[in-house]
Amino acid sequence: MNSFSKGALYVVATPIGNLDDLSRRAMDTLAQADLIAAEDTRHSVRLLDHIGVRVPLISLHEHNETSRIERIKQALDDGQRVALISDAGTPLISDPGYRLVQALRAADYTIVPIPGPSALITALSAAGLPTERFLFEGFLPARGSGRRKRLNDVVELPVTLVFYESPHRISQLLEDIDTVCGERHLVIARELTKTFETFLQGTARSLLERMAEDSDQMRGEFVVMMAPAPEKALTGSSQVDADQLLSSLLEEGVGVKQAAGVAARILGGRKGDWYQQAQQLKDSALRK
């Protein structure tokens, strides 16, 4: 098709599940490409076979992206049309491609976005959470300490928070959200656009209980969305003395985590902060 420019990179969004979500423009772009840079060529061959496209493929993923830049620049200099695709959704959105696009943009190459599916936008559109302002955090650190630190950094923001998570870490993420954020309302989307597409909502604790009852709810890739932080109620300078409240709870045999939850509900603030304060009080009492 003459409408496709030679010597241009096309950033093409591909389906996140349902192959019928591939747009006609995306199909035409892939069919007219001289070269396709794919996150996983084995995965992308199945999509191309589905639409009957035979185009040379090269891999472009997080481990080789930088080394592929000169190869793609040469192709563009030769007048080729190059398509960039990821395994699913829109390239660069928690997927490879940023370094390539940055380098080509800096060198004044033509870059054409071909919009389409994105798990982030798909999930938000059906979650029933505020969307006028949201913060996309992508995948949080794999380590619990790093994950909790990032959650602490954003938990008080008055915006909807969006995370991606894999099935083998979803329970750890929910545990950390429960510890750091307390009883914040969550909506979880899984298996988007696929046969078993599911939206679950509730607190982190209630969602963990739901998954414990039904292990199928831990399958697939997840988009985890958290409601904006509520306005602060009372602070540590409340009429109720925080140390006295926490100490009394601990003396009655209430666990540190549960005591932190009670303090967060009564005094406001972050459950994670109360957890640290309660733990310090417990440690101090043990040393006496």
C-alpha atoms as a PDB file:
ATOM      1  CA  MET A   1       0.000   0.000   0.000  1.00  0.00           C
ATOM      2  CA  ASN A   2       1.415   3.336  -1.053  1.00  0.00           C
ATOM      3  CA  SER A   3       0.292   5.011   2.185  1.00  0.00           C
ATOM      4  CA  PHE A   4       3.128   3.321   4.075  1.00  0.00           C
ATOM      5  CA  SER A   5       6.332   5.333   4.022  1.00  0.00           C
ATOM      6  CA  LYS A   6       9.644   3.698   3.276  1.00  0.00           C
ATOM      7  CA  GLY A   7      12.433   4.117   5.795  1.00  0.00           C
ATOM      8  CA  ALA A   8      10.019   4.355   8.739  1.00  0.00           C
ATOM      9  CA  LEU A   9       9.590   2.449  11.989  1.00  0.00           C
ATOM     10  CA  TYR A  10       6.009   1.430  12.738  1.00  0.00           C
ATOM     11  CA  VAL A  11       5.206   0.775  16.400  1.00  0.00           C
ATOM     12  CA  VAL A  12       2.350  -1.704  16.135  1.00  0.00           C
ATOM     13  CA  ALA A  13       0.006  -2.703  18.975  1.00  0.00           C
ATOM     14  CA  THR A  14      -1.019  -6.372  18.852  1.00  0.00           C
ATOM     15  CA  PRO A  15      -3.785  -8.275  20.700  1.00  0.00           C
ATOM     16  CA  ILE A  16      -3.465  -8.987  24.407  1.00  0.00           C
ATOM     17  CA  GLY A  17      -5.551 -12.129  24.019  1.00  0.00           C
ATOM     18  CA  ASN A  18      -8.327 -12.116  21.463  1.00  0.00           C
ATOM     19  CA  LEU A  19      -6.733 -12.111  17.998  1.00  0.00           C
ATOM     20  CA  ASP A  20      -9.792 -10.411  16.532  1.00  0.00           C
ATOM     21  CA  ASP A  21      -8.681  -7.235  18.309  1.00  0.00           C
ATOM     22  CA  LEU A  22      -5.911  -6.733  15.742  1.00  0.00           C
ATOM     23  CA  SER A  23      -6.957  -3.700  13.719  1.00  0.00           C
ATOM     24  CA  ARG A  24      -7.143  -3.645   9.926  1.00  0.00           C
ATOM     25  CA  ARG A  25      -4.502  -0.925   9.885  1.00  0.00           C
ATOM     26  CA  ALA A  26      -2.185  -3.069  12.037  1.00  0.00           C
ATOM     27  CA  MET A  27      -2.689  -6.051   9.719  1.00  0.00           C
ATOM     28  CA  ASP A  28      -1.929  -3.933   6.660  1.00  0.00           C
ATOM     29  CA  THR A  29       1.165  -2.494   8.347  1.00  0.00           C
ATOM     30  CA  LEU A  30       2.542  -5.933   9.197  1.00  0.00           C
ATOM     31  CA  ALA A  31       1.785  -7.203   5.705  1.00  0.00           C
ATOM     32  CA  GLN A  32       3.596  -4.274   4.076  1.00  0.00           C
ATOM     33  CA  ALA A  33       6.616  -4.360   6.403  1.00  0.00           C
ATOM     34  CA  ASP A  34       9.983  -5.407   5.027  1.00  0.00           C
ATOM     35  CA  LEU A  35      11.186  -6.439   8.471  1.00  0.00           C
ATOM     36  CA  ILE A  36       9.456  -7.104  11.804  1.00  0.00           C
ATOM     37  CA  ALA A  37      11.308  -6.691  15.110  1.00  0.00           C
ATOM     38  CA  ALA A  38       9.510  -8.928  17.613  1.00  0.00           C
ATOM     39  CA  GLU A  39       9.986  -9.487  21.344  1.00  0.00           C
ATOM     40  CA  ASP A  40       9.775 -13.262  20.827  1.00  0.00           C
ATOM     41  CA  THR A  41       9.841 -14.383  17.196  1.00  0.00           C
ATOM     42  CA  ARG A  42       8.405 -17.805  18.083  1.00  0.00           C
ATOM     43  CA  HIS A  43       5.393 -16.167  19.693  1.00  0.00           C
ATOM     44  CA  SER A  44       4.894 -13.631  16.900  1.00  0.00           C
ATOM     45  CA  VAL A  45       5.009 -16.271  14.159  1.00  0.00           C
ATOM     46  CA  ARG A  46       1.678 -17.584  15.466  1.00  0.00           C
ATOM     47  CA  LEU A  47       0.068 -14.162  15.080  1.00  0.00           C
ATOM     48  CA  LEU A  48       1.515 -13.677  11.599  1.00  0.00           C
ATOM     49  CA  ASP A  49       0.362 -17.145  10.559  1.00  0.00           C
ATOM     50  CA  HIS A  50      -3.129 -16.276  11.794  1.00  0.00           C
ATOM     51  CA  ILE A  51      -3.312 -13.278   9.446  1.00  0.00           C
ATOM     52  CA  GLY A  52      -1.410 -14.965   6.629  1.00  0.00           C
ATOM     53  CA  VAL A  53       1.671 -12.717   6.685  1.00  0.00           C
ATOM     54  CA  ARG A  54       5.165 -13.856   5.747  1.00  0.00           C
ATOM     55  CA  VAL A  55       7.771 -11.205   6.586  1.00  0.00           C
ATOM     56  CA  PRO A  56      11.367 -11.610   7.836  1.00  0.00           C
ATOM     57  CA  LEU A  57      11.593 -11.478  11.628  1.00  0.00           C
ATOM     58  CA  ILE A  58      14.365 -10.494  14.028  1.00  0.00           C
ATOM     59  CA  SER A  59      14.206 -10.621  17.808  1.00  0.00           C
ATOM     60  CA  LEU A  60      14.256  -7.441  19.883  1.00  0.00           C
ATOM     61  CA  HIS A  61      13.965  -7.956  23.623  1.00  0.00           C
ATOM     62  CA  GLU A  62      15.342  -6.519  26.852  1.00  0.00           C
ATOM     63  CA  HIS A  63      18.642  -8.392  26.515  1.00  0.00           C
ATOM     64  CA  ASN A  64      19.533  -7.453  22.931  1.00  0.00           C
ATOM     65  CA  GLU A  65      17.654  -4.211  22.265  1.00  0.00           C
ATOM     66  CA  THR A  66      20.687  -1.935  22.356  1.00  0.00           C
ATOM     67  CA  SER A  67      22.649  -4.162  19.989  1.00  0.00           C
ATOM     68  CA  ARG A  68      19.736  -4.200  17.513  1.00  0.00           C
ATOM     69  CA  ILE A  69      19.597  -0.413  17.079  1.00  0.00           C
ATOM     70  CA  GLU A  70      22.288  -0.203  14.377  1.00  0.00           C
ATOM     71  CA  ARG A  71      20.743  -3.151  12.509  1.00  0.00           C
ATOM     72  CA  ILE A  72      17.390  -1.398  12.374  1.00  0.00           C
ATOM     73  CA  LYS A  73      18.939   1.958  11.491  1.00  0.00           C
ATOM     74  CA  GLN A  74      20.641   0.290   8.529  1.00  0.00           C
ATOM     75  CA  ALA A  75      17.333  -1.192   7.397  1.00  0.00           C
ATOM     76  CA  LEU A  76      15.674   2.211   7.584  1.00  0.00           C
ATOM     77  CA  ASP A  77      18.580   3.820   5.715  1.00  0.00           C
ATOM     78  CA  ASP A  78      18.023   1.219   2.993  1.00  0.00           C
ATOM     79  CA  GLY A  79      14.426   2.387   2.677  1.00  0.00           C
ATOM     80  CA  GLN A  80      12.852  -0.560   4.440  1.00  0.00           C
ATOM     81  CA  ARG A  81       9.645  -0.378   6.430  1.00  0.00           C
ATOM     82  CA  VAL A  82      10.259  -1.877   9.890  1.00  0.00           C
ATOM     83  CA  ALA A  83       7.466  -2.903  12.272  1.00  0.00           C
ATOM     84  CA  LEU A  84       8.083  -3.174  16.014  1.00  0.00           C
ATOM     85  CA  ILE A  85       5.816  -5.521  17.966  1.00  0.00           C
ATOM     86  CA  SER A  86       5.855  -7.050  21.445  1.00  0.00           C
ATOM     87  CA  ASP A  87       4.357 -10.336  22.587  1.00  0.00           C
ATOM     88  CA  ALA A  88       1.066  -8.613  23.408  1.00  0.00           C
ATOM     89  CA  GLY A  89      -0.304  -5.095  23.599  1.00  0.00           C
ATOM     90  CA  THR A  90       1.479  -1.847  22.817  1.00  0.00           C
ATOM     91  CA  PRO A  91       5.288  -1.910  22.559  1.00  0.00           C
ATOM     92  CA  LEU A  92       7.233   0.119  25.163  1.00  0.00           C
ATOM     93  CA  ILE A  93       4.394  -0.126  27.734  1.00  0.00           C
ATOM     94  CA  SER A  94       6.171  -2.493  30.158  1.00  0.00           C
ATOM     95  CA  ASP A  95       7.644  -4.057  27.024  1.00  0.00           C
ATOM     96  CA  PRO A  96      10.870  -3.584  25.039  1.00  0.00           C
ATOM     97  CA  GLY A  97      11.344  -0.780  22.533  1.00  0.00           C
ATOM     98  CA  TYR A  98      12.105   2.350  24.546  1.00  0.00           C
ATOM     99  CA  ARG A  99      15.830   2.431  23.803  1.00  0.00           C
ATOM    100  CA  LEU A 100      15.213   1.822  20.096  1.00  0.00           C
ATOM    101  CA  VAL A 101      12.561   4.507  19.748  1.00  0.00           C
ATOM    102  CA  GLN A 102      14.621   6.963  21.796  1.00  0.00           C
ATOM    103  CA  ALA A 103      17.664   6.405  19.561  1.00  0.00           C
ATOM    104  CA  LEU A 104      15.669   6.713  16.340  1.00  0.00           C
ATOM    105  CA  ARG A 105      13.830   9.800  17.550  1.00  0.00           C
ATOM    106  CA  ALA A 106      17.145  11.440  18.468  1.00  0.00           C
ATOM    107  CA  ALA A 107      18.464  10.640  14.975  1.00  0.00           C
ATOM    108  CA  ASP A 108      15.319  12.107  13.350  1.00  0.00           C
ATOM    109  CA  TYR A 109      13.989   8.908  11.787  1.00  0.00           C
ATOM    110  CA  THR A 110      10.266   8.655  11.009  1.00  0.00           C
ATOM    111  CA  ILE A 111       8.345   6.772  13.716  1.00  0.00           C
ATOM    112  CA  VAL A 112       4.669   5.966  13.171  1.00  0.00           C
ATOM    113  CA  PRO A 113       2.445   4.648  15.998  1.00  0.00           C
ATOM    114  CA  ILE A 114      -0.233   2.120  15.026  1.00  0.00           C
ATOM    115  CA  PRO A 115      -2.513   2.208  18.084  1.00  0.00           C
ATOM    116  CA  GLY A 116      -4.439  -0.713  19.463  1.00  0.00           C
ATOM    117  CA  PRO A 117      -4.763  -2.996  22.494  1.00  0.00           C
ATOM    118  CA  SER A 118      -3.191  -2.148  25.854  1.00  0.00           C
ATOM    119  CA  ALA A 119      -3.874  -4.111  29.035  1.00  0.00           C
ATOM    120  CA  LEU A 120      -3.521  -0.909  31.068  1.00  0.00           C
ATOM    121  CA  ILE A 121      -6.269   0.991  29.245  1.00  0.00           C
ATOM    122  CA  THR A 122      -8.455  -2.075  28.751  1.00  0.00           C
ATOM    123  CA  ALA A 123      -8.471  -2.784  32.494  1.00  0.00           C
ATOM    124  CA  LEU A 124      -9.113   0.820  33.514  1.00  0.00           C
ATOM    125  CA  SER A 125     -12.008   1.140  31.098  1.00  0.00           C
ATOM    126  CA  ALA A 126     -13.999  -1.536  32.923  1.00  0.00           C
ATOM    127  CA  ALA A 127     -12.757  -1.238  36.518  1.00  0.00           C
ATOM    128  CA  GLY A 128     -15.128   1.432  37.783  1.00  0.00           C
ATOM    129  CA  LEU A 129     -12.294   3.419  39.391  1.00  0.00           C
ATOM    130  CA  PRO A 130     -11.535   7.131  38.799  1.00  0.00           C
ATOM    131  CA  THR A 131      -9.654   7.582  35.523  1.00  0.00           C
ATOM    132  CA  GLU A 132      -9.214  11.342  35.280  1.00  0.00           C
ATOM    133  CA  ARG A 133      -5.842  10.845  36.970  1.00  0.00           C
ATOM    134  CA  PHE A 134      -3.929   7.603  37.281  1.00  0.00           C
ATOM    135  CA  LEU A 135      -0.352   6.469  37.832  1.00  0.00           C
ATOM    136  CA  PHE A 136       0.965   3.448  35.966  1.00  0.00           C
ATOM    137  CA  GLU A 137       3.718   1.702  37.943  1.00  0.00           C
ATOM    138  CA  GLY A 138       4.050  -1.370  35.730  1.00  0.00           C
ATOM    139  CA  PHE A 139       5.760  -4.330  37.413  1.00  0.00           C
ATOM    140  CA  LEU A 140       6.948  -3.577  40.944  1.00  0.00           C
ATOM    141  CA  PRO A 141      10.326  -4.942  42.131  1.00  0.00           C
ATOM    142  CA  ALA A 142      10.450  -8.714  42.582  1.00  0.00           C
ATOM    143  CA  ARG A 143      11.953  -8.437  46.077  1.00  0.00           C
ATOM    144  CA  GLY A 144       9.528  -7.792  48.896  1.00  0.00           C
ATOM    145  CA  SER A 145      11.573  -4.946  50.398  1.00  0.00           C
ATOM    146  CA  GLY A 146      11.759  -3.111  47.072  1.00  0.00           C
ATOM    147  CA  ARG A 147       8.090  -3.724  46.397  1.00  0.00           C
ATOM    148  CA  ARG A 148       7.034  -2.348  49.785  1.00  0.00           C
ATOM    149  CA  LYS A 149       9.261   0.702  49.338  1.00  0.00           C
ATOM    150  CA  ARG A 150       7.625   1.532  46.014  1.00  0.00           C
ATOM    151  CA  LEU A 151       4.185   1.065  47.532  1.00  0.00           C
ATOM    152  CA  ASN A 152       5.106   3.396  50.382  1.00  0.00           C
ATOM    153  CA  ASP A 153       6.221   5.975  47.812  1.00  0.00           C
ATOM    154  CA  VAL A 154       2.829   6.101  46.087  1.00  0.00           C
ATOM    155  CA  VAL A 155       0.226   4.955  48.617  1.00  0.00           C
ATOM    156  CA  GLU A 156      -0.843   8.471  49.643  1.00  0.00           C
ATOM    157  CA  LEU A 157      -1.235   9.837  46.119  1.00  0.00           C
ATOM    158  CA  PRO A 158      -4.803  10.965  45.264  1.00  0.00           C
ATOM    159  CA  VAL A 159      -4.790   9.048  41.967  1.00  0.00           C
ATOM    160  CA  THR A 160      -5.748   5.574  40.823  1.00  0.00           C
ATOM    161  CA  LEU A 161      -2.678   3.328  40.937  1.00  0.00           C
ATOM    162  CA  VAL A 162      -2.116   0.629  38.323  1.00  0.00           C
ATOM    163  CA  PHE A 163       0.311  -2.295  38.534  1.00  0.00           C
ATOM    164  CA  TYR A 164       1.079  -5.311  36.385  1.00  0.00           C
ATOM    165  CA  GLU A 165       1.805  -8.635  38.058  1.00  0.00           C
ATOM    166  CA  SER A 166       2.505 -12.239  37.115  1.00  0.00           C
ATOM    167  CA  PRO A 167       0.672 -15.270  38.538  1.00  0.00           C
ATOM    168  CA  HIS A 168       3.623 -16.486  40.619  1.00  0.00           C
ATOM    169  CA  ARG A 169       3.896 -13.154  42.481  1.00  0.00           C
ATOM    170  CA  ILE A 170       0.303 -11.954  42.719  1.00  0.00           C
ATOM    171  CA  SER A 171      -0.161 -13.245  46.282  1.00  0.00           C
ATOM    172  CA  GLN A 172       3.042 -11.541  47.468  1.00  0.00           C
ATOM    173  CA  LEU A 173       1.916  -8.258  45.921  1.00  0.00           C
ATOM    174  CA  LEU A 174      -1.462  -8.471  47.639  1.00  0.00           C
ATOM    175  CA  GLU A 175       0.192  -9.305  50.967  1.00  0.00           C
ATOM    176  CA  ASP A 176       2.394  -6.206  50.656  1.00  0.00           C
ATOM    177  CA  ILE A 177      -0.555  -4.032  49.640  1.00  0.00           C
ATOM    178  CA  ASP A 178      -2.396  -5.261  52.726  1.00  0.00           C
ATOM    179  CA  THR A 179       0.604  -4.404  54.921  1.00  0.00           C
ATOM    180  CA  VAL A 180       1.405  -1.012  53.412  1.00  0.00           C
ATOM    181  CA  CYS A 181      -1.970   0.262  52.201  1.00  0.00           C
ATOM    182  CA  GLY A 182      -4.463  -1.388  54.513  1.00  0.00           C
ATOM    183  CA  GLU A 183      -8.096  -1.697  53.468  1.00  0.00           C
ATOM    184  CA  ARG A 184      -7.823   0.195  50.187  1.00  0.00           C
ATOM    185  CA  HIS A 185     -10.317  -0.793  47.508  1.00  0.00           C
ATOM    186  CA  LEU A 186      -8.760  -2.826  44.678  1.00  0.00           C
ATOM    187  CA  VAL A 187      -9.950  -4.074  41.318  1.00  0.00           C
ATOM    188  CA  ILE A 188      -8.005  -6.907  39.690  1.00  0.00           C
ATOM    189  CA  ALA A 189      -8.348  -7.798  36.010  1.00  0.00           C
ATOM    190  CA  ARG A 190      -7.034 -11.126  34.744  1.00  0.00           C
ATOM    191  CA  GLU A 191      -7.043 -12.947  31.407  1.00  0.00           C
ATOM    192  CA  LEU A 192      -8.211  -9.774  29.632  1.00  0.00           C
ATOM    193  CA  THR A 193     -10.037 -10.394  26.314  1.00  0.00           C
ATOM    194  CA  LYS A 194      -9.597 -14.153  26.755  1.00  0.00           C
ATOM    195  CA  THR A 195     -12.165 -16.858  27.484  1.00  0.00           C
ATOM    196  CA  PHE A 196     -11.806 -16.620  31.258  1.00  0.00           C
ATOM    197  CA  GLU A 197     -11.569 -12.834  31.546  1.00  0.00           C
ATOM    198  CA  THR A 198     -12.355 -11.914  35.156  1.00  0.00           C
ATOM    199  CA  PHE A 199     -12.639  -8.758  37.246  1.00  0.00           C
ATOM    200  CA  LEU A 200     -12.387  -9.135  41.033  1.00  0.00           C
ATOM    201  CA  GLN A 201     -12.786  -6.364  43.583  1.00  0.00           C
ATOM    202  CA  GLY A 202     -12.321  -5.906  47.303  1.00  0.00           C
ATOM    203  CA  THR A 203      -9.524  -5.318  49.777  1.00  0.00           C
ATOM    204  CA  ALA A 204      -6.177  -7.042  49.383  1.00  0.00           C
ATOM    205  CA  ARG A 205      -7.055  -9.339  52.282  1.00  0.00           C
ATOM    206  CA  SER A 206     -10.437 -10.349  50.851  1.00  0.00           C
ATOM    207  CA  LEU A 207      -8.899 -10.980  47.430  1.00  0.00           C
ATOM    208  CA  LEU A 208      -6.227 -13.194  48.969  1.00  0.00           C
ATOM    209  CA  GLU A 209      -8.959 -15.186  50.687  1.00  0.00           C
ATOM    210  CA  ARG A 210     -10.842 -15.483  47.402  1.00  0.00           C
ATOM    211  CA  MET A 211      -7.753 -16.801  45.644  1.00  0.00           C
ATOM    212  CA  ALA A 212      -7.066 -19.261  48.453  1.00  0.00           C
ATOM    213  CA  GLU A 213     -10.587 -20.640  47.951  1.00  0.00           C
ATOM    214  CA  ASP A 214     -10.286 -20.781  44.156  1.00  0.00           C
ATOM    215  CA  SER A 215      -6.776 -21.307  42.813  1.00  0.00           C
ATOM    216  CA  ASP A 216      -7.993 -20.652  39.248  1.00  0.00           C
ATOM    217  CA  GLN A 217      -8.162 -16.967  40.208  1.00  0.00           C
ATOM    218  CA  MET A 218      -4.357 -16.966  40.419  1.00  0.00           C
ATOM    219  CA  ARG A 219      -3.923 -17.906  36.754  1.00  0.00           C
ATOM    220  CA  GLY A 220      -3.039 -15.528  33.923  1.00  0.00           C
ATOM    221  CA  GLU A 221      -1.499 -12.090  33.822  1.00  0.00           C
ATOM    222  CA  PHE A 222      -2.881  -9.456  36.194  1.00  0.00           C
ATOM    223  CA  VAL A 223      -3.645  -5.753  36.130  1.00  0.00           C
ATOM    224  CA  VAL A 224      -4.023  -4.589  39.734  1.00  0.00           C
ATOM    225  CA  MET A 225      -5.755  -1.232  40.231  1.00  0.00           C
ATOM    226  CA  MET A 226      -5.991   0.614  43.533  1.00  0.00           C
ATOM    227  CA  ALA A 227      -8.456   3.367  44.393  1.00  0.00           C
ATOM    228  CA  PRO A 228      -6.989   6.838  45.100  1.00  0.00           C
ATOM    229  CA  ALA A 229      -5.859   7.593  48.642  1.00  0.00           C
ATOM    230  CA  PRO A 230      -8.685   9.022  50.751  1.00  0.00           C
ATOM    231  CA  GLU A 231      -8.337  12.360  52.440  1.00  0.00           C
ATOM    232  CA  LYS A 232      -6.355  12.030  55.642  1.00  0.00           C
ATOM    233  CA  ALA A 233      -8.524  11.685  58.679  1.00  0.00           C
ATOM    234  CA  LEU A 234      -6.638  12.011  61.939  1.00  0.00           C
ATOM    235  CA  THR A 235      -2.860  12.123  62.231  1.00  0.00           C
ATOM    236  CA  GLY A 236      -0.348  11.027  64.835  1.00  0.00           C
ATOM    237  CA  SER A 237      -1.173  14.160  66.842  1.00  0.00           C
ATOM    238  CA  SER A 238      -4.696  12.860  67.342  1.00  0.00           C
ATOM    239  CA  GLN A 239      -6.466  13.036  70.678  1.00  0.00           C
ATOM    240  CA  VAL A 240      -5.730   9.342  71.003  1.00  0.00           C
ATOM    241  CA  ASP A 241      -2.077   8.752  71.867  1.00  0.00           C
ATOM    242  CA  ALA A 242      -0.662   6.463  69.190  1.00  0.00           C
ATOM    243  CA  ASP A 243       2.001   4.794  71.358  1.00  0.00           C
ATOM    244  CA  GLN A 244      -0.507   4.197  74.121  1.00  0.00           C
ATOM    245  CA  LEU A 245      -2.992   2.633  71.694  1.00  0.00           C
ATOM    246  CA  LEU A 246      -0.410   0.386  70.068  1.00  0.00           C
ATOM    247  CA  SER A 247       1.147  -0.633  73.388  1.00  0.00           C
ATOM    248  CA  SER A 248      -2.252  -1.521  74.827  1.00  0.00           C
ATOM    249  CA  LEU A 249      -3.090  -3.669  71.821  1.00  0.00           C
ATOM    250  CA  LEU A 250       0.263  -5.462  71.969  1.00  0.00           C
ATOM    251  CA  GLU A 251      -0.094  -6.061  75.699  1.00  0.00           C
ATOM    252  CA  GLU A 252      -3.471  -7.699  75.028  1.00  0.00           C
ATOM    253  CA  GLY A 253      -1.779 -10.143  72.674  1.00  0.00           C
ATOM    254  CA  VAL A 254      -2.819  -8.501  69.420  1.00  0.00           C
ATOM    255  CA  GLY A 255      -0.275  -9.134  66.668  1.00  0.00           C
ATOM    256  CA  VAL A 256       1.850  -6.323  65.214  1.00  0.00           C
ATOM    257  CA  LYS A 257       0.094  -6.469  61.846  1.00  0.00           C
ATOM    258  CA  GLN A 258      -3.384  -6.422  63.395  1.00  0.00           C
ATOM    259  CA  ALA A 259      -2.423  -3.578  65.746  1.00  0.00           C
ATOM    260  CA  ALA A 260      -1.192  -1.556  62.792  1.00  0.00           C
ATOM    261  CA  GLY A 261      -4.512  -2.109  61.035  1.00  0.00           C
ATOM    262  CA  VAL A 262      -6.467  -0.893  64.080  1.00  0.00           C
ATOM    263  CA  ALA A 263      -4.267   2.221  64.376  1.00  0.00           C
ATOM    264  CA  ALA A 264      -4.692   3.020  60.678  1.00  0.00           C
ATOM    265  CA  ARG A 265      -8.482   2.806  60.953  1.00  0.00           C
ATOM    266  CA  ILE A 266      -8.661   4.941  64.106  1.00  0.00           C
ATOM    267  CA  LEU A 267      -5.869   7.447  63.535  1.00  0.00           C
ATOM    268  CA  GLY A 268      -5.551   7.495  59.749  1.00  0.00           C
ATOM    269  CA  GLY A 269      -2.208   7.389  57.987  1.00  0.00           C
ATOM    270  CA  ARG A 270      -0.488   4.435  56.378  1.00  0.00           C
ATOM    271  CA  LYS A 271      -0.735   0.947  57.758  1.00  0.00           C
ATOM    272  CA  GLY A 272       2.909   0.369  56.864  1.00  0.00           C
ATOM    273  CA  ASP A 273       4.013   3.271  59.070  1.00  0.00           C
ATOM    274  CA  TRP A 274       1.931   2.003  62.000  1.00  0.00           C
ATOM    275  CA  TYR A 275       3.375  -1.472  61.453  1.00  0.00           C
ATOM    276  CA  GLN A 276       6.912  -0.137  61.837  1.00  0.00           C
ATOM    277  CA  GLN A 277       5.961   1.851  64.927  1.00  0.00           C
ATOM    278  CA  ALA A 278       4.232  -1.143  66.513  1.00  0.00           C
ATOM    279  CA  GLN A 279       7.203  -3.376  65.761  1.00  0.00           C
ATOM    280  CA  GLN A 280       9.555  -0.874  67.394  1.00  0.00           C
ATOM    281  CA  LEU A 281       7.363  -0.773  70.490  1.00  0.00           C
ATOM    282  CA  LYS A 282       7.267  -4.571  70.640  1.00  0.00           C
ATOM    283  CA  ASP A 283      11.034  -4.834  70.221  1.00  0.00           C
ATOM    284  CA  SER A 284      11.561  -2.190  72.915  1.00  0.00           C
ATOM    285  CA  ALA A 285       9.274  -4.061  75.339  1.00  0.00           C
ATOM    286  CA  LEU A 286      11.165  -7.323  74.736  1.00  0.00           C
ATOM    287  CA  ARG A 287      14.465  -5.656  75.584  1.00  0.00           C
ATOM    288  CA  LYS A 288      13.233  -4.481  78.954  1.00  0.00           C
END
